[in-house]
C-alpha atoms as a PDB file:
ATOM      1  CA  UNK A   1      96.883  84.140  80.614  1.00  0.00           C
ATOM      2  CA  UNK A   2      95.835  80.776  82.081  1.00  0.00           C
ATOM      3  CA  UNK A   3      92.785  80.261  79.794  1.00  0.00           C
ATOM      4  CA  UNK A   4      95.060  80.863  76.847  1.00  0.00           C
ATOM      5  CA  UNK A   5      97.442  78.187  78.124  1.00  0.00           C
ATOM      6  CA  UNK A   6      94.589  75.698  78.513  1.00  0.00           C
ATOM      7  CA  UNK A   7      93.365  76.407  74.990  1.00  0.00           C
ATOM      8  CA  UNK A   8      96.820  75.856  73.602  1.00  0.00           C
ATOM      9  CA  UNK A   9      97.294  72.481  75.313  1.00  0.00           C
ATOM     10  CA  UNK A  10      95.724  70.569  72.434  1.00  0.00           C
ATOM     11  CA  UNK A  11      97.913  72.440  69.952  1.00  0.00           C
ATOM     12  CA  UNK A  12     101.227  71.919  71.741  1.00  0.00           C
ATOM     13  CA  UNK A  13     102.518  69.147  69.456  1.00  0.00           C
ATOM     14  CA  UNK A  14     102.013  71.461  66.475  1.00  0.00           C
ATOM     15  CA  UNK A  15     103.579  74.588  67.926  1.00  0.00           C
ATOM     16  CA  UNK A  16     107.205  75.648  68.087  1.00  0.00           C
ATOM     17  CA  UNK A  17     108.860  76.713  71.323  1.00  0.00           C
ATOM     18  CA  UNK A  18     107.413  80.137  72.297  1.00  0.00           C
ATOM     19  CA  UNK A  19     109.475  83.262  72.808  1.00  0.00           C
ATOM     20  CA  UNK A  20     110.447  84.042  76.355  1.00  0.00           C
ATOM     21  CA  UNK A  21     107.747  86.448  77.611  1.00  0.00           C
ATOM     22  CA  UNK A  22     108.033  88.540  80.765  1.00  0.00           C
ATOM     23  CA  UNK A  23     105.420  90.888  82.268  1.00  0.00           C
ATOM     24  CA  UNK A  24     105.164  93.032  85.383  1.00  0.00           C
ATOM     25  CA  UNK A  25     101.953  94.027  87.137  1.00  0.00           C
ATOM     26  CA  UNK A  26     101.956  96.511  90.002  1.00  0.00           C
ATOM     27  CA  UNK A  27      99.056  97.162  92.396  1.00  0.00           C
ATOM     28  CA  UNK A  28      98.679 100.072  94.818  1.00  0.00           C
ATOM     29  CA  UNK A  29      98.454  98.923  98.450  1.00  0.00           C
ATOM     30  CA  UNK A  30      98.443 102.108 100.515  1.00  0.00           C
ATOM     31  CA  UNK A  31     100.446 105.059 101.802  1.00  0.00           C
ATOM     32  CA  UNK A  32     101.439 107.035 104.878  1.00  0.00           C
ATOM     33  CA  UNK A  33     102.983 110.478 105.382  1.00  0.00           C
ATOM     34  CA  UNK A  34     106.387 109.587 103.913  1.00  0.00           C
ATOM     35  CA  UNK A  35     106.039 106.378 101.888  1.00  0.00           C
ATOM     36  CA  UNK A  36     103.716 104.372  99.656  1.00  0.00           C
ATOM     37  CA  UNK A  37     103.636 100.633  99.029  1.00  0.00           C
ATOM     38  CA  UNK A  38     102.815  98.422  96.060  1.00  0.00           C
ATOM     39  CA  UNK A  39     102.352  94.725  95.423  1.00  0.00           C
ATOM     40  CA  UNK A  40     104.345  93.730  92.353  1.00  0.00           C
ATOM     41  CA  UNK A  41     104.177  90.463  90.394  1.00  0.00           C
ATOM     42  CA  UNK A  42     106.786  89.506  87.802  1.00  0.00           C
ATOM     43  CA  UNK A  43     105.523  86.711  85.529  1.00  0.00           C
ATOM     44  CA  UNK A  44     107.454  84.916  82.799  1.00  0.00           C
ATOM     45  CA  UNK A  45     106.651  81.844  80.740  1.00  0.00           C
ATOM     46  CA  UNK A  46     110.084  80.207  81.085  1.00  0.00           C
ATOM     47  CA  UNK A  47     110.187  79.971  77.294  1.00  0.00           C
ATOM     48  CA  UNK A  48     107.683  77.142  77.495  1.00  0.00           C
ATOM     49  CA  UNK A  49     103.997  76.379  77.033  1.00  0.00           C
ATOM     50  CA  UNK A  50     104.101  74.155  80.107  1.00  0.00           C
ATOM     51  CA  UNK A  51     105.477  76.456  82.811  1.00  0.00           C
ATOM     52  CA  UNK A  52     105.326  79.977  84.095  1.00  0.00           C
ATOM     53  CA  UNK A  53     106.983  81.602  87.080  1.00  0.00           C
ATOM     54  CA  UNK A  54     105.587  84.270  89.427  1.00  0.00           C
ATOM     55  CA  UNK A  55     107.832  86.343  91.669  1.00  0.00           C
ATOM     56  CA  UNK A  56     105.842  88.483  94.096  1.00  0.00           C
ATOM     57  CA  UNK A  57     107.359  91.508  95.827  1.00  0.00           C
ATOM     58  CA  UNK A  58     106.413  94.145  98.373  1.00  0.00           C
ATOM     59  CA  UNK A  59     107.852  97.445  97.136  1.00  0.00           C
ATOM     60  CA  UNK A  60     108.075 100.544  99.333  1.00  0.00           C
ATOM     61  CA  UNK A  61     108.798 103.963  97.800  1.00  0.00           C
ATOM     62  CA  UNK A  62     109.671 107.428  99.065  1.00  0.00           C
ATOM     63  CA  UNK A  63     106.977 110.030  98.416  1.00  0.00           C
ATOM     64  CA  UNK A  64     109.677 112.699  98.316  1.00  0.00           C
ATOM     65  CA  UNK A  65     111.447 111.509  95.173  1.00  0.00           C
ATOM     66  CA  UNK A  66     109.806 108.193  94.181  1.00  0.00           C
ATOM     67  CA  UNK A  67     112.917 106.147  94.938  1.00  0.00           C
ATOM     68  CA  UNK A  68     112.624 102.528  96.097  1.00  0.00           C
ATOM     69  CA  UNK A  69     113.206 102.386  99.867  1.00  0.00           C
ATOM     70  CA  UNK A  70     112.736  98.650 100.168  1.00  0.00           C
ATOM     71  CA  UNK A  71     111.936  95.778  97.805  1.00  0.00           C
ATOM     72  CA  UNK A  72     111.192  92.473  99.488  1.00  0.00           C
ATOM     73  CA  UNK A  73     110.607  89.217  97.621  1.00  0.00           C
ATOM     74  CA  UNK A  74     107.592  87.588  99.263  1.00  0.00           C
ATOM     75  CA  UNK A  75     107.429  84.436  97.170  1.00  0.00           C
ATOM     76  CA  UNK A  76     108.835  82.714  94.090  1.00  0.00           C
ATOM     77  CA  UNK A  77     106.383  80.185  92.641  1.00  0.00           C
ATOM     78  CA  UNK A  78     106.723  77.892  89.622  1.00  0.00           C
ATOM     79  CA  UNK A  79     103.516  76.680  87.932  1.00  0.00           C
ATOM     80  CA  UNK A  80     103.734  73.560  85.740  1.00  0.00           C
ATOM     81  CA  UNK A  81     101.050  72.269  83.384  1.00  0.00           C
ATOM     82  CA  UNK A  82     100.677  68.504  82.918  1.00  0.00           C
ATOM     83  CA  UNK A  83     102.218  67.976  79.486  1.00  0.00           C
ATOM     84  CA  UNK A  84     100.763  64.468  79.242  1.00  0.00           C
ATOM     85  CA  UNK A  85      97.168  65.656  79.508  1.00  0.00           C
ATOM     86  CA  UNK A  86      95.221  64.702  76.363  1.00  0.00           C
ATOM     87  CA  UNK A  87      91.517  64.864  77.318  1.00  0.00           C
ATOM     88  CA  UNK A  88      90.054  68.022  75.688  1.00  0.00           C
ATOM     89  CA  UNK A  89      86.975  67.821  77.958  1.00  0.00           C
ATOM     90  CA  UNK A  90      88.872  68.488  81.191  1.00  0.00           C
ATOM     91  CA  UNK A  91      91.429  71.004  82.338  1.00  0.00           C
ATOM     92  CA  UNK A  92      95.013  69.813  82.722  1.00  0.00           C
ATOM     93  CA  UNK A  93      96.482  69.581  86.215  1.00  0.00           C
ATOM     94  CA  UNK A  94      98.636  72.493  87.310  1.00  0.00           C
ATOM     95  CA  UNK A  95     101.351  71.855  89.866  1.00  0.00           C
ATOM     96  CA  UNK A  96     102.370  74.737  92.123  1.00  0.00           C
ATOM     97  CA  UNK A  97     105.962  74.603  93.411  1.00  0.00           C
ATOM     98  CA  UNK A  98     106.970  77.101  96.079  1.00  0.00           C
ATOM     99  CA  UNK A  99     110.625  77.853  95.433  1.00  0.00           C
ATOM    100  CA  UNK A 100     111.059  80.712  97.901  1.00  0.00           C
ATOM    101  CA  UNK A 101     108.969  82.348 100.608  1.00  0.00           C
ATOM    102  CA  UNK A 102     109.609  85.218 103.025  1.00  0.00           C
ATOM    103  CA  UNK A 103     107.574  84.651 106.174  1.00  0.00           C
ATOM    104  CA  UNK A 104     108.843  87.858 107.805  1.00  0.00           C
ATOM    105  CA  UNK A 105     106.477  89.987 105.716  1.00  0.00           C
ATOM    106  CA  UNK A 106     103.271  89.909 107.746  1.00  0.00           C
ATOM    107  CA  UNK A 107      99.883  91.219 106.669  1.00  0.00           C
ATOM    108  CA  UNK A 108      99.484  92.833 110.099  1.00  0.00           C
ATOM    109  CA  UNK A 109     102.670  94.862 109.522  1.00  0.00           C
ATOM    110  CA  UNK A 110     101.512  96.094 106.123  1.00  0.00           C
ATOM    111  CA  UNK A 111      98.045  97.006 107.380  1.00  0.00           C
ATOM    112  CA  UNK A 112      99.406  99.012 110.326  1.00  0.00           C
ATOM    113  CA  UNK A 113     102.231 100.665 108.361  1.00  0.00           C
ATOM    114  CA  UNK A 114     100.089 101.916 105.469  1.00  0.00           C
ATOM    115  CA  UNK A 115      96.648 103.439 105.211  1.00  0.00           C
ATOM    116  CA  UNK A 116      94.734 101.378 102.671  1.00  0.00           C
ATOM    117  CA  UNK A 117      91.943 102.775 100.450  1.00  0.00           C
ATOM    118  CA  UNK A 118      88.590 102.214 102.122  1.00  0.00           C
ATOM    119  CA  UNK A 119      86.488 102.206  98.965  1.00  0.00           C
ATOM    120  CA  UNK A 120      87.184 101.358  95.313  1.00  0.00           C
ATOM    121  CA  UNK A 121      88.586 104.382  93.496  1.00  0.00           C
ATOM    122  CA  UNK A 122      86.673 105.594  90.458  1.00  0.00           C
ATOM    123  CA  UNK A 123      88.521 107.368  87.691  1.00  0.00           C
ATOM    124  CA  UNK A 124      87.827 111.107  88.074  1.00  0.00           C
ATOM    125  CA  UNK A 125      86.451 113.245  85.274  1.00  0.00           C
ATOM    126  CA  UNK A 126      89.737 115.107  84.801  1.00  0.00           C
ATOM    127  CA  UNK A 127      91.259 111.918  83.344  1.00  0.00           C
ATOM    128  CA  UNK A 128      89.738 112.966  80.007  1.00  0.00           C
ATOM    129  CA  UNK A 129      91.820 116.170  80.158  1.00  0.00           C
ATOM    130  CA  UNK A 130      95.095 114.206  80.131  1.00  0.00           C
ATOM    131  CA  UNK A 131      97.087 113.485  77.003  1.00  0.00           C
ATOM    132  CA  UNK A 132     100.477 112.381  75.710  1.00  0.00           C
ATOM    133  CA  UNK A 133     102.723 115.265  74.641  1.00  0.00           C
ATOM    134  CA  UNK A 134     106.310 114.706  73.490  1.00  0.00           C
ATOM    135  CA  UNK A 135     106.494 111.592  75.659  1.00  0.00           C
ATOM    136  CA  UNK A 136     105.116 113.337  78.768  1.00  0.00           C
ATOM    137  CA  UNK A 137     101.725 112.887  80.447  1.00  0.00           C
ATOM    138  CA  UNK A 138     100.167 116.349  80.644  1.00  0.00           C
ATOM    139  CA  UNK A 139      96.990 118.041  81.864  1.00  0.00           C
ATOM    140  CA  UNK A 140      95.304 120.504  79.501  1.00  0.00           C
ATOM    141  CA  UNK A 141      98.314 120.382  77.160  1.00  0.00           C
ATOM    142  CA  UNK A 142     100.558 122.346  79.555  1.00  0.00           C
ATOM    143  CA  UNK A 143     100.937 120.908  83.097  1.00  0.00           C
ATOM    144  CA  UNK A 144     103.400 117.993  83.031  1.00  0.00           C
ATOM    145  CA  UNK A 145     102.240 115.334  85.473  1.00  0.00           C
ATOM    146  CA  UNK A 146     104.737 112.605  84.552  1.00  0.00           C
ATOM    147  CA  UNK A 147     107.842 113.384  82.511  1.00  0.00           C
ATOM    148  CA  UNK A 148     109.269 111.216  79.755  1.00  0.00           C
ATOM    149  CA  UNK A 149     112.425 110.835  81.880  1.00  0.00           C
ATOM    150  CA  UNK A 150     110.413 108.846  84.433  1.00  0.00           C
ATOM    151  CA  UNK A 151     108.486 106.921  81.796  1.00  0.00           C
ATOM    152  CA  UNK A 152     111.700 105.987  79.997  1.00  0.00           C
ATOM    153  CA  UNK A 153     112.732 103.986  83.066  1.00  0.00           C
ATOM    154  CA  UNK A 154     109.771 101.615  82.736  1.00  0.00           C
ATOM    155  CA  UNK A 155     109.976  98.167  81.190  1.00  0.00           C
ATOM    156  CA  UNK A 156     107.793  99.100  78.225  1.00  0.00           C
ATOM    157  CA  UNK A 157     109.192 101.761  75.838  1.00  0.00           C
ATOM    158  CA  UNK A 158     107.319 105.075  75.894  1.00  0.00           C
ATOM    159  CA  UNK A 159     106.673 104.763  72.162  1.00  0.00           C
ATOM    160  CA  UNK A 160     104.598 101.641  72.813  1.00  0.00           C
ATOM    161  CA  UNK A 161     103.033 102.854  76.050  1.00  0.00           C
ATOM    162  CA  UNK A 162     101.774 106.051  74.421  1.00  0.00           C
ATOM    163  CA  UNK A 163      99.976 104.290  71.562  1.00  0.00           C
ATOM    164  CA  UNK A 164      96.734 104.145  73.566  1.00  0.00           C
ATOM    165  CA  UNK A 165      94.911 107.335  74.681  1.00  0.00           C
ATOM    166  CA  UNK A 166      96.034 108.119  78.218  1.00  0.00           C
ATOM    167  CA  UNK A 167      92.455 108.065  79.538  1.00  0.00           C
ATOM    168  CA  UNK A 168      92.254 104.397  78.471  1.00  0.00           C
ATOM    169  CA  UNK A 169      95.795 103.552  79.566  1.00  0.00           C
ATOM    170  CA  UNK A 170      95.185 104.696  83.162  1.00  0.00           C
ATOM    171  CA  UNK A 171      93.324 101.872  84.884  1.00  0.00           C
ATOM    172  CA  UNK A 172      93.044 103.322  88.402  1.00  0.00           C
ATOM    173  CA  UNK A 173      93.581 106.576  90.284  1.00  0.00           C
ATOM    174  CA  UNK A 174      94.381 106.606  94.010  1.00  0.00           C
ATOM    175  CA  UNK A 175      95.074 109.524  96.314  1.00  0.00           C
ATOM    176  CA  UNK A 176      95.951 110.577  99.835  1.00  0.00           C
ATOM    177  CA  UNK A 177      96.368 113.983 101.477  1.00  0.00           C
ATOM    178  CA  UNK A 178      99.640 114.772  99.690  1.00  0.00           C
ATOM    179  CA  UNK A 179      99.781 112.703  96.525  1.00  0.00           C
ATOM    180  CA  UNK A 180      97.921 111.188  93.586  1.00  0.00           C
ATOM    181  CA  UNK A 181      98.860 107.807  92.100  1.00  0.00           C
ATOM    182  CA  UNK A 182      98.127 106.689  88.526  1.00  0.00           C
ATOM    183  CA  UNK A 183      98.092 102.993  87.608  1.00  0.00           C
ATOM    184  CA  UNK A 184      99.284 102.925  84.010  1.00  0.00           C
ATOM    185  CA  UNK A 185      98.629 100.017  81.651  1.00  0.00           C
ATOM    186  CA  UNK A 186     101.225  99.518  78.916  1.00  0.00           C
ATOM    187  CA  UNK A 187     100.389  97.138  76.080  1.00  0.00           C
ATOM    188  CA  UNK A 188     103.013  94.884  74.529  1.00  0.00           C
ATOM    189  CA  UNK A 189     102.849  92.545  71.544  1.00  0.00           C
ATOM    190  CA  UNK A 190     101.710  89.580  73.649  1.00  0.00           C
ATOM    191  CA  UNK A 191     100.301  91.048  76.882  1.00  0.00           C
ATOM    192  CA  UNK A 192     100.483  94.165  79.022  1.00  0.00           C
ATOM    193  CA  UNK A 193     102.354  95.527  82.035  1.00  0.00           C
ATOM    194  CA  UNK A 194     101.059  97.845  84.737  1.00  0.00           C
ATOM    195  CA  UNK A 195     103.090 100.349  86.710  1.00  0.00           C
ATOM    196  CA  UNK A 196     102.147 102.777  89.474  1.00  0.00           C
ATOM    197  CA  UNK A 197     103.110 106.413  88.828  1.00  0.00           C
ATOM    198  CA  UNK A 198     103.440 108.714  91.843  1.00  0.00           C
ATOM    199  CA  UNK A 199     102.709 112.439  91.471  1.00  0.00           C
ATOM    200  CA  UNK A 200     104.713 114.636  93.845  1.00  0.00           C
ATOM    201  CA  UNK A 201     103.018 116.821  96.445  1.00  0.00           C
ATOM    202  CA  UNK A 202     103.770 119.916  94.334  1.00  0.00           C
ATOM    203  CA  UNK A 203     102.306 118.463  91.130  1.00  0.00           C
ATOM    204  CA  UNK A 204      99.351 116.987  93.038  1.00  0.00           C
ATOM    205  CA  UNK A 205      98.491 120.406  94.488  1.00  0.00           C
ATOM    206  CA  UNK A 206      98.633 122.062  91.057  1.00  0.00           C
ATOM    207  CA  UNK A 207      96.532 119.269  89.570  1.00  0.00           C
ATOM    208  CA  UNK A 208      93.887 119.627  92.285  1.00  0.00           C
ATOM    209  CA  UNK A 209      93.919 123.425  91.963  1.00  0.00           C
ATOM    210  CA  UNK A 210      93.363 123.292  88.213  1.00  0.00           C
ATOM    211  CA  UNK A 211      90.738 120.576  88.233  1.00  0.00           C
ATOM    212  CA  UNK A 212      88.687 122.597  90.769  1.00  0.00           C
ATOM    213  CA  UNK A 213      89.239 125.870  88.953  1.00  0.00           C
ATOM    214  CA  UNK A 214      86.311 127.876  87.591  1.00  0.00           C
ATOM    215  CA  UNK A 215      86.279 129.254  84.061  1.00  0.00           C
ATOM    216  CA  UNK A 216      85.708 132.811  85.285  1.00  0.00           C
ATOM    217  CA  UNK A 217      86.493 134.843  88.437  1.00  0.00           C
ATOM    218  CA  UNK A 218      86.043 138.382  89.735  1.00  0.00           C
ATOM    219  CA  UNK A 219      89.453 140.053  89.411  1.00  0.00           C
ATOM    220  CA  UNK A 220      90.441 142.412  92.247  1.00  0.00           C
ATOM    221  CA  UNK A 221      94.160 143.244  91.925  1.00  0.00           C
ATOM    222  CA  UNK A 222      97.510 141.762  90.846  1.00  0.00           C
ATOM    223  CA  UNK A 223     100.812 141.735  92.755  1.00  0.00           C
ATOM    224  CA  UNK A 224     104.453 140.865  92.092  1.00  0.00           C
ATOM    225  CA  UNK A 225     104.790 138.654  95.179  1.00  0.00           C
ATOM    226  CA  UNK A 226     102.547 136.272  97.063  1.00  0.00           C
ATOM    227  CA  UNK A 227     103.182 138.028 100.400  1.00  0.00           C
ATOM    228  CA  UNK A 228     101.901 141.315  98.993  1.00  0.00           C
ATOM    229  CA  UNK A 229      98.764 139.641  97.669  1.00  0.00           C
ATOM    230  CA  UNK A 230      98.190 137.780 100.929  1.00  0.00           C
ATOM    231  CA  UNK A 231      98.593 140.885 103.116  1.00  0.00           C
ATOM    232  CA  UNK A 232      96.248 142.913 100.923  1.00  0.00           C
ATOM    233  CA  UNK A 233      93.655 140.112 100.920  1.00  0.00           C
ATOM    234  CA  UNK A 234      93.615 139.866 104.738  1.00  0.00           C
ATOM    235  CA  UNK A 235      93.057 143.627 105.049  1.00  0.00           C
ATOM    236  CA  UNK A 236      90.317 143.482 102.428  1.00  0.00           C
ATOM    237  CA  UNK A 237      88.517 140.746 104.362  1.00  0.00           C
ATOM    238  CA  UNK A 238      88.532 142.880 107.531  1.00  0.00           C
ATOM    239  CA  UNK A 239      87.388 145.964 105.618  1.00  0.00           C
ATOM    240  CA  UNK A 240      84.463 144.197 103.949  1.00  0.00           C
ATOM    241  CA  UNK A 241      83.329 142.617 107.213  1.00  0.00           C
ATOM    242  CA  UNK A 242      83.246 145.988 108.988  1.00  0.00           C
ATOM    243  CA  UNK A 243      80.694 146.942 106.338  1.00  0.00           C
ATOM    244  CA  UNK A 244      78.684 143.778 107.126  1.00  0.00           C
ATOM    245  CA  UNK A 245      79.675 142.120 103.863  1.00  0.00           C
ATOM    246  CA  UNK A 246      80.729 138.505 104.448  1.00  0.00           C
ATOM    247  CA  UNK A 247      80.466 137.285 100.864  1.00  0.00           C
ATOM    248  CA  UNK A 248      84.104 137.893  99.898  1.00  0.00           C
ATOM    249  CA  UNK A 249      85.615 134.550  98.873  1.00  0.00           C
ATOM    250  CA  UNK A 250      89.238 135.441  98.037  1.00  0.00           C
ATOM    251  CA  UNK A 251      91.788 133.247  96.253  1.00  0.00           C
ATOM    252  CA  UNK A 252      95.332 134.035  95.159  1.00  0.00           C
ATOM    253  CA  UNK A 253      96.408 132.535  91.844  1.00  0.00           C
ATOM    254  CA  UNK A 254      99.868 132.461  90.353  1.00  0.00           C
ATOM    255  CA  UNK A 255      99.498 133.346  86.695  1.00  0.00           C
ATOM    256  CA  UNK A 256     101.547 132.519  83.627  1.00  0.00           C
ATOM    257  CA  UNK A 257     100.613 134.304  80.429  1.00  0.00           C
ATOM    258  CA  UNK A 258     104.068 134.098  78.885  1.00  0.00           C
ATOM    259  CA  UNK A 259     105.306 137.249  80.602  1.00  0.00           C
ATOM    260  CA  UNK A 260     106.487 138.003  84.145  1.00  0.00           C
ATOM    261  CA  UNK A 261     104.916 135.833  86.854  1.00  0.00           C
ATOM    262  CA  UNK A 262     102.244 137.592  88.888  1.00  0.00           C
ATOM    263  CA  UNK A 263      99.864 136.783  91.738  1.00  0.00           C
ATOM    264  CA  UNK A 264      96.250 137.674  91.095  1.00  0.00           C
ATOM    265  CA  UNK A 265      93.835 138.271  93.942  1.00  0.00           C
ATOM    266  CA  UNK A 266      90.372 137.202  92.805  1.00  0.00           C
ATOM    267  CA  UNK A 267      86.938 136.523  94.249  1.00  0.00           C
ATOM    268  CA  UNK A 268      85.519 133.049  93.640  1.00  0.00           C
ATOM    269  CA  UNK A 269      81.821 133.440  92.795  1.00  0.00           C
ATOM    270  CA  UNK A 270      79.324 131.036  94.260  1.00  0.00           C
ATOM    271  CA  UNK A 271      77.996 130.201  90.818  1.00  0.00           C
ATOM    272  CA  UNK A 272      78.424 130.903  87.142  1.00  0.00           C
ATOM    273  CA  UNK A 273      77.488 133.032  85.299  1.00  0.00           C
ATOM    274  CA  UNK A 274      78.629 135.711  87.757  1.00  0.00           C
ATOM    275  CA  UNK A 275      75.771 137.684  89.304  1.00  0.00           C
ATOM    276  CA  UNK A 276      76.245 141.424  88.533  1.00  0.00           C
ATOM    277  CA  UNK A 277      74.378 142.432  91.710  1.00  0.00           C
ATOM    278  CA  UNK A 278      76.786 140.362  93.809  1.00  0.00           C
ATOM    279  CA  UNK A 279      79.727 142.137  92.137  1.00  0.00           C
ATOM    280  CA  UNK A 280      78.191 145.547  92.942  1.00  0.00           C
ATOM    281  CA  UNK A 281      77.887 144.632  96.629  1.00  0.00           C
ATOM    282  CA  UNK A 282      81.470 143.355  96.579  1.00  0.00           C
ATOM    283  CA  UNK A 283      82.755 146.593  95.033  1.00  0.00           C
ATOM    284  CA  UNK A 284      80.825 148.671  97.556  1.00  0.00           C
ATOM    285  CA  UNK A 285      82.349 146.748 100.471  1.00  0.00           C
ATOM    286  CA  UNK A 286      85.935 146.746  99.170  1.00  0.00           C
ATOM    287  CA  UNK A 287      86.008 150.132  97.473  1.00  0.00           C
ATOM    288  CA  UNK A 288      87.511 148.546  94.349  1.00  0.00           C
ATOM    289  CA  UNK A 289      86.087 148.522  90.842  1.00  0.00           C
ATOM    290  CA  UNK A 290      86.492 144.838  90.062  1.00  0.00           C
ATOM    291  CA  UNK A 291      86.184 143.121  86.706  1.00  0.00           C
ATOM    292  CA  UNK A 292      85.697 139.598  85.416  1.00  0.00           C
ATOM    293  CA  UNK A 293      88.657 137.542  84.236  1.00  0.00           C
ATOM    294  CA  UNK A 294      89.015 134.147  82.573  1.00  0.00           C
ATOM    295  CA  UNK A 295      91.259 131.568  84.227  1.00  0.00           C
ATOM    296  CA  UNK A 296      93.111 130.257  81.158  1.00  0.00           C
ATOM    297  CA  UNK A 297      96.472 131.484  82.456  1.00  0.00           C
ATOM    298  CA  UNK A 298      95.978 130.485  86.128  1.00  0.00           C
ATOM    299  CA  UNK A 299      98.612 128.039  87.419  1.00  0.00           C
ATOM    300  CA  UNK A 300      98.360 127.477  91.174  1.00  0.00           C
ATOM    301  CA  UNK A 301      96.054 128.623  93.976  1.00  0.00           C
ATOM    302  CA  UNK A 302      96.380 129.685  97.619  1.00  0.00           C
ATOM    303  CA  UNK A 303      93.771 130.749 100.164  1.00  0.00           C
ATOM    304  CA  UNK A 304      94.730 133.958 102.053  1.00  0.00           C
ATOM    305  CA  UNK A 305      96.009 132.966 105.481  1.00  0.00           C
ATOM    306  CA  UNK A 306      97.304 134.772 108.573  1.00  0.00           C
ATOM    307  CA  UNK A 307     100.175 132.660 110.010  1.00  0.00           C
ATOM    308  CA  UNK A 308      99.941 134.542 113.314  1.00  0.00           C
ATOM    309  CA  UNK A 309      96.234 133.926 113.822  1.00  0.00           C
ATOM    310  CA  UNK A 310      95.186 132.150 117.027  1.00  0.00           C
ATOM    311  CA  UNK A 311      93.242 128.934 116.391  1.00  0.00           C
ATOM    312  CA  UNK A 312      89.628 129.206 117.584  1.00  0.00           C
ATOM    313  CA  UNK A 313      88.746 127.417 120.819  1.00  0.00           C
ATOM    314  CA  UNK A 314      86.457 124.465 120.231  1.00  0.00           C
ATOM    315  CA  UNK A 315      83.240 123.970 122.178  1.00  0.00           C
ATOM    316  CA  UNK A 316      84.783 120.980 123.973  1.00  0.00           C
ATOM    317  CA  UNK A 317      87.739 123.063 125.177  1.00  0.00           C
ATOM    318  CA  UNK A 318      85.400 125.782 126.410  1.00  0.00           C
ATOM    319  CA  UNK A 319      83.389 123.224 128.383  1.00  0.00           C
ATOM    320  CA  UNK A 320      86.553 121.872 130.032  1.00  0.00           C
ATOM    321  CA  UNK A 321      87.709 125.369 131.025  1.00  0.00           C
ATOM    322  CA  UNK A 322      84.366 126.355 132.464  1.00  0.00           C
ATOM    323  CA  UNK A 323      84.095 123.340 134.743  1.00  0.00           C
ATOM    324  CA  UNK A 324      80.716 122.331 136.125  1.00  0.00           C
ATOM    325  CA  UNK A 325      77.685 124.420 135.161  1.00  0.00           C
ATOM    326  CA  UNK A 326      76.561 126.840 137.895  1.00  0.00           C
ATOM    327  CA  UNK A 327      73.177 125.174 138.342  1.00  0.00           C
ATOM    328  CA  UNK A 328      74.849 121.890 139.279  1.00  0.00           C
ATOM    329  CA  UNK A 329      77.084 123.612 141.822  1.00  0.00           C
ATOM    330  CA  UNK A 330      74.210 125.410 143.548  1.00  0.00           C
ATOM    331  CA  UNK A 331      71.259 123.059 143.194  1.00  0.00           C
ATOM    332  CA  UNK A 332      70.675 121.066 146.418  1.00  0.00           C
ATOM    333  CA  UNK A 333      70.413 117.330 146.370  1.00  0.00           C
ATOM    334  CA  UNK A 334      66.894 116.401 147.421  1.00  0.00           C
ATOM    335  CA  UNK A 335      66.303 113.610 149.869  1.00  0.00           C
ATOM    336  CA  UNK A 336      64.451 110.574 148.601  1.00  0.00           C
ATOM    337  CA  UNK A 337      60.777 110.586 149.409  1.00  0.00           C
ATOM    338  CA  UNK A 338      59.660 107.273 150.846  1.00  0.00           C
END
């Protein structure tokens, strides 16, 4: 924006008063278990070629529903360009006037309240699988990541925002244990805005499940409920291990093929294409004639889990319980030899 202003300085006497332009740029700061924070800058040109105003805010959002928990204005700064500057070989002087400042927002507080990304985030490969569909942002044409209801609340109309392919419109992708965050760029006639989109824990899990999904699995059995599938899977693990087969890698997938929802118990192969000999050993250990199945209708994944299982004792805990090794208790301390 500033280089454009400098270039226009020499043309100011010839130009009419510009339209009032306003833009918003949001940057991801970090997150914790319940909230995430952004640094937001509102910039407008004051309807002038000579001035622009920047209002900087610290915004804090709930990860539960995306609502704004706190929005704090950090500073309000007015930048003024020297209108009397005429030398085209030098840059005009810019005066910075601090109109408002909140000194209660400390960097130390932000750094200790939110976990910040440690390394620059690269856009993952699954970005190319996203698209616009009826105003929504979707994965593989069917999983809605961001609905048009949320997008309609942004400063830029969805009709304009969706003109660019979504893979180009998303500038950055950030994540934590529960959520994924998309930084969306929305072009306007004169500039662009950016806005951070938060994906809920539920949508994030489904996104991660699908982007790590294989094209083909070994199908074992389907069930009407997750509990039935989980119980059967735990028994199958025990049964196969009693036969010295430890290669069973079970997953439970909710399926949606347009009919009644089911839960499919499948084996995740170590590699594709599936090794027929591995399937034979699996069938021998489980006593089930399995088959291969494509994952086109898979929706969400769970790993079989026994909620009543006792966590294994770590080596450190075992050492603490055992006390001193026997050889240290019994070995005599030798006198020094002079």
